[in-house]
Protein backbone atom coordinates (compact mmCIF):
# COMPACT_ATOMS: atom_id res chain seq x y z
CA UNK A 1 -4.32 24.68 -17.49
CA UNK A 2 -6.58 21.72 -18.24
CA UNK A 3 -7.99 20.34 -14.99
CA UNK A 4 -8.40 16.78 -16.27
CA UNK A 5 -6.01 14.15 -17.61
CA UNK A 6 -5.76 10.42 -18.11
CA UNK A 7 -3.77 8.79 -15.32
CA UNK A 8 -1.63 6.98 -17.88
CA UNK A 9 -0.68 10.34 -19.43
CA UNK A 10 0.62 11.51 -16.04
CA UNK A 11 2.59 8.32 -15.36
CA UNK A 12 6.34 8.01 -15.90
CA UNK A 13 5.96 4.35 -16.80
CA UNK A 14 3.37 1.61 -16.99
CA UNK A 15 4.03 -2.06 -16.34
CA UNK A 16 1.70 -5.05 -16.01
CA UNK A 17 1.18 -8.37 -14.26
CA UNK A 18 -1.13 -11.20 -15.32
CA UNK A 19 -3.91 -10.54 -12.82
CA UNK A 20 -5.19 -8.09 -10.23
CA UNK A 21 -2.45 -6.33 -8.29
CA UNK A 22 -2.65 -7.15 -4.57
CA UNK A 23 0.38 -5.42 -3.05
CA UNK A 24 3.21 -3.00 -3.89
CA UNK A 25 6.48 -2.24 -2.10
CA UNK A 26 9.35 0.14 -2.90
CA UNK A 27 12.84 1.08 -1.85
CA UNK A 28 15.24 3.71 -3.21
CA UNK A 29 16.18 1.73 -6.34
CA UNK A 30 13.20 -0.43 -7.27
CA UNK A 31 9.54 -1.28 -6.85
CA UNK A 32 7.89 -4.68 -6.56
CA UNK A 33 4.29 -5.71 -7.26
CA UNK A 34 2.44 -8.95 -6.54
CA UNK A 35 -0.80 -10.29 -7.98
CA UNK A 36 -3.60 -12.78 -7.32
CA UNK A 37 -1.87 -15.50 -9.37
CA UNK A 38 1.20 -15.49 -7.12
CA UNK A 39 3.54 -13.53 -9.40
CA UNK A 40 5.92 -11.04 -7.75
CA UNK A 41 7.95 -8.87 -10.14
CA UNK A 42 10.53 -6.14 -9.57
CA UNK A 43 11.52 -3.21 -11.78
CA UNK A 44 14.24 -0.58 -11.62
CA UNK A 45 13.05 2.97 -10.91
CA UNK A 46 15.94 4.59 -12.78
CA UNK A 47 15.34 2.99 -16.18
CA UNK A 48 12.17 0.92 -15.80
CA UNK A 49 14.00 -2.31 -16.64
CA UNK A 50 12.71 -5.62 -15.24
CA UNK A 51 14.95 -6.94 -12.45
CA UNK A 52 13.37 -10.29 -11.64
CA UNK A 53 10.10 -12.17 -11.42
CA UNK A 54 9.09 -15.17 -9.31
CA UNK A 55 6.00 -17.38 -9.20
CA UNK A 56 4.83 -18.06 -5.65
CA UNK A 57 1.35 -19.51 -5.99
CA UNK A 58 -1.44 -19.13 -5.13
CA UNK A 59 -1.53 -15.36 -4.38
CA UNK A 60 0.81 -12.67 -3.07
CA UNK A 61 -0.67 -10.79 -0.10
CA UNK A 62 2.17 -8.59 1.25
CA UNK A 63 5.80 -7.64 0.52
CA UNK A 64 8.53 -6.06 2.65
CA UNK A 65 12.11 -4.97 1.94
CA UNK A 66 14.51 -6.08 4.68
CA UNK A 67 17.99 -4.85 3.80
CA UNK A 68 19.34 -7.23 1.12
CA UNK A 69 16.27 -9.48 1.03
CA UNK A 70 12.63 -9.17 0.05
CA UNK A 71 10.08 -11.00 2.21
CA UNK A 72 6.94 -12.11 0.37
CA UNK A 73 3.77 -13.34 2.10
CA UNK A 74 1.89 -15.71 -0.19
CA UNK A 75 -0.47 -18.62 0.22
CA UNK A 76 0.56 -20.56 3.30
CA UNK A 77 4.20 -19.41 3.35
CA UNK A 78 6.52 -16.50 3.97
CA UNK A 79 9.38 -16.55 1.47
CA UNK A 80 12.59 -14.51 1.29
CA UNK A 81 14.38 -13.78 -1.98
CA UNK A 82 17.49 -11.83 -2.90
CA UNK A 83 16.49 -8.21 -3.60
CA UNK A 84 18.91 -7.97 -6.57
CA UNK A 85 17.99 -11.03 -8.60
CA UNK A 86 14.99 -12.70 -6.88
CA UNK A 87 16.83 -15.95 -6.06
CA UNK A 88 15.26 -17.96 -3.23
CA UNK A 89 16.92 -17.66 0.19
CA UNK A 90 14.45 -19.36 2.53
CA UNK A 91 10.77 -20.22 2.89
CA UNK A 92 8.74 -20.90 6.05
CA UNK A 93 5.27 -22.52 6.10
CA UNK A 94 2.52 -21.02 8.25
CA UNK A 95 -0.86 -22.30 9.42
CA UNK A 96 -3.57 -21.13 7.07
CA UNK A 97 -2.89 -18.00 5.02
CA UNK A 98 0.15 -15.76 5.36
CA UNK A 99 -1.44 -12.31 5.49
CA UNK A 100 0.97 -9.44 6.26
CA UNK A 101 4.70 -8.77 6.64
CA UNK A 102 6.68 -5.69 7.80
CA UNK A 103 10.31 -4.99 8.69
CA UNK A 104 11.14 -2.94 11.81
CA UNK A 105 14.80 -2.40 10.90
CA UNK A 106 16.00 -5.60 12.57
CA UNK A 107 13.26 -8.23 12.37
CA UNK A 108 10.42 -9.31 10.13
CA UNK A 109 6.94 -9.46 11.66
CA UNK A 110 4.55 -11.84 9.90
CA UNK A 111 0.85 -12.51 10.55
CA UNK A 112 -1.21 -15.52 9.52
CA UNK A 113 -4.79 -16.76 9.95
CA UNK A 114 -7.06 -19.71 9.21
CA UNK A 115 -10.55 -19.08 7.88
CA UNK A 116 -13.03 -21.59 9.31
CA UNK A 117 -15.85 -22.07 6.80
CA UNK A 118 -18.31 -23.64 9.26
CA UNK A 119 -18.28 -20.66 11.61
CA UNK A 120 -17.46 -18.13 8.87
CA UNK A 121 -14.69 -16.54 10.88
CA UNK A 122 -10.92 -16.50 11.34
CA UNK A 123 -9.26 -18.86 13.83
CA UNK A 124 -5.69 -19.95 14.67
CA UNK A 125 -4.37 -16.45 14.11
CA UNK A 126 -0.70 -15.82 14.84
CA UNK A 127 2.18 -13.35 14.57
CA UNK A 128 5.83 -14.38 14.20
CA UNK A 129 9.08 -12.44 14.50
CA UNK A 130 11.68 -13.77 12.06
CA UNK A 131 15.40 -13.08 11.70
CA UNK A 132 15.49 -11.99 8.04
CA UNK A 133 18.84 -13.34 6.80
CA UNK A 134 18.56 -16.95 7.98
CA UNK A 135 14.79 -17.23 8.35
CA UNK A 136 14.89 -18.17 12.04
CA UNK A 137 11.61 -17.77 13.92
CA UNK A 138 12.50 -15.94 17.14
CA UNK A 139 9.00 -15.27 18.47
CA UNK A 140 5.66 -16.93 17.71
CA UNK A 141 2.61 -15.46 19.42
CA UNK A 142 -1.01 -16.66 19.09
CA UNK A 143 -3.62 -13.98 18.43
CA UNK A 144 -7.29 -14.18 19.36
CA UNK A 145 -8.19 -12.16 16.25
CA UNK A 146 -7.03 -11.70 12.69
CA UNK A 147 -4.66 -8.79 12.10
CA UNK A 148 -6.07 -6.50 9.40
CA UNK A 149 -3.23 -3.98 9.63
CA UNK A 150 0.43 -4.41 10.55
CA UNK A 151 3.07 -1.68 10.79
CA UNK A 152 6.55 -1.38 12.25
CA UNK A 153 6.54 0.46 15.59
CA UNK A 154 9.97 1.10 17.13
CA UNK A 155 11.64 -2.22 17.90
CA UNK A 156 8.40 -4.08 17.43
CA UNK A 157 5.11 -3.75 15.61
CA UNK A 158 1.61 -2.33 15.93
CA UNK A 159 -1.42 -4.37 14.87
CA UNK A 160 -5.02 -3.54 14.06
CA UNK A 161 -7.12 -6.53 15.08
CA UNK A 162 -10.69 -7.58 14.29
CA UNK A 163 -13.17 -9.44 16.47
CA UNK A 164 -13.33 -11.08 19.00
CA UNK A 165 -10.42 -9.04 20.46
CA UNK A 166 -10.61 -5.88 18.35
CA UNK A 167 -8.46 -2.78 18.65
CA UNK A 168 -4.93 -1.43 18.28
CA UNK A 169 -2.15 -3.45 19.97
CA UNK A 170 1.64 -3.23 20.18
CA UNK A 171 4.26 -5.97 20.59
CA UNK A 172 7.88 -5.35 21.53
CA UNK A 173 10.85 -7.48 20.49
CA UNK A 174 11.43 -10.26 23.01
CA UNK A 175 8.08 -9.75 24.76
CA UNK A 176 5.15 -11.98 23.86
CA UNK A 177 2.51 -9.78 25.54
CA UNK A 178 0.09 -7.74 23.44
CA UNK A 179 -0.51 -4.28 24.85
CA UNK A 180 -3.75 -2.52 23.96
CA UNK A 181 -2.99 1.07 23.02
CA UNK A 182 -4.33 3.14 25.89
CA UNK A 183 -7.37 5.26 25.09
CA UNK A 184 -8.04 3.75 21.67
CA UNK A 185 -11.44 2.17 20.92
CA UNK A 186 -11.88 -1.57 21.18
CA UNK A 187 -13.35 -1.70 17.68
CA UNK A 188 -12.24 -3.73 14.63
CA UNK A 189 -9.48 -1.93 12.71
CA UNK A 190 -9.85 -1.81 8.93
CA UNK A 191 -7.03 0.45 7.70
CA UNK A 192 -3.81 2.18 8.78
CA UNK A 193 -1.36 4.68 7.29
CA UNK A 194 1.82 6.45 8.37
CA UNK A 195 3.02 10.02 7.79
CA UNK A 196 6.55 11.15 7.00
CA UNK A 197 7.10 12.09 10.66
CA UNK A 198 5.86 8.66 11.84
CA UNK A 199 2.42 9.71 13.00
CA UNK A 200 -0.13 6.96 12.36
CA UNK A 201 -3.76 6.93 11.35
CA UNK A 202 -6.22 4.08 12.01
CA UNK A 203 -9.77 3.64 10.74
CA UNK A 204 -12.27 1.30 12.40
CA UNK A 205 -15.09 -0.72 10.89
CA UNK A 206 -17.59 1.43 12.83
CA UNK A 207 -16.28 4.58 11.09
CA UNK A 208 -13.96 6.07 13.68
CA UNK A 209 -10.52 7.49 12.89
CA UNK A 210 -7.64 7.76 15.37
CA UNK A 211 -4.36 9.61 14.96
CA UNK A 212 -1.39 8.73 17.21
CA UNK A 213 2.18 10.00 17.43
CA UNK A 214 5.37 7.93 17.19
CA UNK A 215 5.09 7.10 20.92
CA UNK A 216 1.53 5.81 20.69
CA UNK A 217 -0.09 8.87 22.25
CA UNK A 218 -3.52 9.80 20.86
CA UNK A 219 -3.50 13.14 19.05
CA UNK A 220 -7.03 13.19 17.68
CA UNK A 221 -10.15 11.09 17.11
CA UNK A 222 -13.02 11.68 14.69
CA UNK A 223 -16.33 9.82 14.27
CA UNK A 224 -18.40 9.03 11.16
CA UNK A 225 -15.28 8.62 9.02
CA UNK A 226 -14.70 6.15 6.18
CA UNK A 227 -11.24 7.33 5.04
CA UNK A 228 -8.38 9.01 6.89
CA UNK A 229 -4.74 9.70 6.06
CA UNK A 230 -2.01 12.27 5.68
CA UNK A 231 -1.37 15.06 3.18
CA UNK A 232 2.11 15.72 1.76
CA UNK A 233 2.52 18.57 4.26
CA UNK A 234 1.87 16.18 7.16
CA UNK A 235 -1.69 17.26 7.93
CA UNK A 236 -4.10 14.54 8.99
CA UNK A 237 -7.35 14.63 7.03
CA UNK A 238 -10.55 12.62 7.37
CA UNK A 239 -13.44 12.10 4.97
CA UNK A 240 -16.81 11.75 6.62
CA UNK A 241 -19.86 9.83 5.46
CA UNK A 242 -21.22 12.91 3.71
CA UNK A 243 -18.11 12.92 1.46
CA UNK A 244 -16.75 16.03 3.16
CA UNK A 245 -13.13 16.58 4.13
CA UNK A 246 -12.10 17.84 7.55
CA UNK A 247 -8.85 19.46 8.70
CA UNK A 248 -7.94 20.70 5.20
CA UNK A 249 -9.27 22.28 2.03
CA UNK A 250 -11.46 19.80 0.11
CA UNK A 251 -9.93 17.75 -2.70
CA UNK A 252 -13.27 16.41 -3.89
CA UNK A 253 -14.44 19.30 -6.02
CA UNK A 254 -16.05 18.03 -9.26
CA UNK A 255 -15.32 14.41 -8.30
CA UNK A 256 -18.07 11.82 -7.95
CA UNK A 257 -18.09 8.76 -5.74
CA UNK A 258 -16.54 7.80 -2.43
CA UNK A 259 -12.82 8.25 -1.70
CA UNK A 260 -11.06 4.88 -1.52
CA UNK A 261 -7.32 5.59 -1.30
CA UNK A 262 -5.31 8.50 0.05
CA UNK A 263 -1.52 8.52 -0.22
CA UNK A 264 1.24 11.11 -0.21
CA UNK A 265 4.92 11.74 -0.82
CA UNK A 266 6.94 14.68 0.48
CA UNK A 267 5.36 17.03 -2.08
CA UNK A 268 2.37 15.23 -3.58
CA UNK A 269 -1.01 13.93 -2.38
CA UNK A 270 -3.10 11.52 -4.44
CA UNK A 271 -6.76 10.71 -3.82
CA UNK A 272 -8.46 7.86 -5.69
CA UNK A 273 -12.21 7.32 -5.84
CA UNK A 274 -14.24 4.13 -5.69
CA UNK A 275 -15.92 2.84 -8.84
CA UNK A 276 -18.04 3.43 -10.86
CA UNK A 277 -16.20 6.76 -11.11
CA UNK A 278 -12.63 5.67 -11.91
CA UNK A 279 -11.16 9.03 -11.07
CA UNK A 280 -9.14 11.00 -8.56
CA UNK A 281 -7.09 14.11 -7.91
CA UNK A 282 -3.39 14.90 -7.51
CA UNK A 283 -2.27 17.88 -5.43
CA UNK A 284 1.28 19.28 -5.57
CA UNK A 285 1.58 22.47 -3.58
CA UNK A 286 -1.10 24.75 -5.04
CA UNK A 287 -1.32 22.78 -8.28
CA UNK A 288 -4.17 20.34 -8.77
CA UNK A 289 -5.01 17.88 -11.51
CA UNK A 290 -8.13 15.75 -11.72
CA UNK A 291 -7.51 12.42 -13.42
CA UNK A 292 -9.51 9.55 -14.84
CA UNK A 293 -8.52 5.97 -15.50
CA UNK A 294 -9.89 3.00 -17.40
CA UNK A 295 -9.55 0.39 -14.66
CA UNK A 296 -10.22 0.10 -10.94
CA UNK A 297 -7.35 0.96 -8.58
CA UNK A 298 -6.71 -1.90 -6.13
CA UNK A 299 -3.61 -0.74 -4.21
CA UNK A 300 -1.46 2.38 -3.80
CA UNK A 301 2.00 2.86 -2.27
CA UNK A 302 4.13 5.99 -1.83
CA UNK A 303 7.86 6.20 -1.14
CA UNK A 304 10.30 9.12 -1.38
CA UNK A 305 9.11 11.25 -4.33
CA UNK A 306 6.97 8.68 -6.12
CA UNK A 307 3.68 6.80 -5.93
CA UNK A 308 2.91 3.44 -7.52
CA UNK A 309 -0.66 2.33 -8.21
CA UNK A 310 -1.88 -1.18 -9.01
CA UNK A 311 -5.07 -2.02 -10.89
CA UNK A 312 -7.66 -4.76 -11.17
CA UNK A 313 -6.44 -5.66 -14.68
CA UNK A 314 -2.81 -6.08 -13.53
CA UNK A 315 -1.68 -2.64 -14.70
CA UNK A 316 0.96 -0.82 -12.60
CA UNK A 317 1.56 2.93 -12.94
CA UNK A 318 4.53 4.88 -11.56
CA UNK A 319 4.01 8.57 -10.74
CA UNK A 320 7.05 10.76 -10.03
CA UNK A 321 6.67 14.18 -8.42
CA UNK A 322 9.10 16.02 -10.74
CA UNK A 323 7.57 14.49 -13.86
CA UNK A 324 4.07 15.32 -12.62
CA UNK A 325 5.03 18.95 -12.03
CA UNK A 326 6.03 19.27 -15.68
CA UNK A 327 2.97 17.51 -17.03
CA UNK A 328 0.44 19.26 -14.80
CA UNK A 329 1.71 22.69 -15.88
CA UNK A 330 1.10 21.86 -19.55
CA UNK A 331 -1.60 24.03 -21.09
CA UNK A 332 -3.69 21.03 -22.09
CA UNK A 333 -3.74 17.30 -22.64
CA UNK A 334 -4.80 15.73 -25.88
CA UNK A 335 -8.40 14.56 -26.10
CA UNK A 336 -7.33 11.87 -28.58
CA UNK A 337 -6.40 8.40 -27.41
CA UNK A 338 -2.62 8.48 -27.86
CA UNK A 339 -1.99 5.76 -25.28
CA UNK A 340 -0.28 3.38 -27.75
CA UNK A 341 2.14 6.11 -28.85
CA UNK A 342 2.92 6.95 -25.22
CA UNK A 343 3.51 3.27 -24.43
CA UNK A 344 6.03 3.01 -27.30
CA UNK A 345 7.78 6.19 -26.15
CA UNK A 346 8.11 4.72 -22.68
CA UNK A 347 9.71 1.61 -24.17
CA UNK A 348 12.31 3.78 -25.90
CA UNK A 349 12.85 5.92 -22.79
CA UNK A 350 13.46 2.98 -20.50
CA UNK A 351 14.98 0.59 -23.01
CA UNK A 352 12.64 -2.22 -22.01
CA UNK A 353 11.40 -4.18 -24.99
CA UNK A 354 10.70 -7.35 -23.04
CA UNK A 355 7.97 -5.99 -20.78
CA UNK A 356 4.39 -5.83 -21.97
CA UNK A 357 3.11 -2.25 -21.74
CA UNK A 358 -0.64 -2.25 -21.76
CA UNK A 359 -2.54 1.04 -21.88
CA UNK A 360 -6.16 0.11 -21.37
């Protein structure tokens, strides 16, 4: 078995937006990507067909499915569209930039911030709870710091804040009080991720990693870490500043650079490296495949049995576990550049002649 492949050769389909991909969201039937020019587009997973596209300038920052609607954070607004056809339902202005949005099963939670140039810091930060169908703001809570991470947490949310009030905080529906998560460091939070069993991982700007369970209880903490996340079997792994992996067998063999993204489905784990080495590794059970790509990965998102990656050039790649199993077990991949042929085959497979397939 060849241990290297082009990422586009492993992908079930490739789609593209006009500019750098900023965010990706998925549900059972479709996936949506947004870019720096404010375009949000949706495609069907079953046949790759385009479902809808909407221009919400100036830039899309976050997307969340909320039952029959899709909430899109962009510019200075949070906008809801119909998940089937992208028609506008409501739009709410915010102060400054609309940063993040999540859905807790009943309500949307939306954060915003204003960047003050003179002091070179974020001010007027806020989180709102919004009824998703009518767009009614039911809670509006000022924050002393910008939220860098936002995740659903029971009937409420959990935030990772920066300075001057750094740390991990929870908010419950109907209660405007922020609760600092007991025992967690009061350090700026830079990244979060969630496992299939609702354990959460947080990374701080001073290179600490914290794992908590679904009740907010600390399970583990590790220092000198720049990336942490979960494998497809649920194990929490951390990568330290010496590029070593803890809590699992290393995935970095023969890879150069610093790990940037770690994401997993029920059977697959994908690790992507920082440039200049545009490479990574996919692990499915005991099978492994190192991959390379022609453009920088900017965002990754996993859901059910698939992972979607967005790139700096607007390219979007869909990886499906079952398809990957077949392709990884091939004896070898062609050394020739057959990307154009593969793009045309994907057009025939998915019956989409309107979408631009760009294999860079």
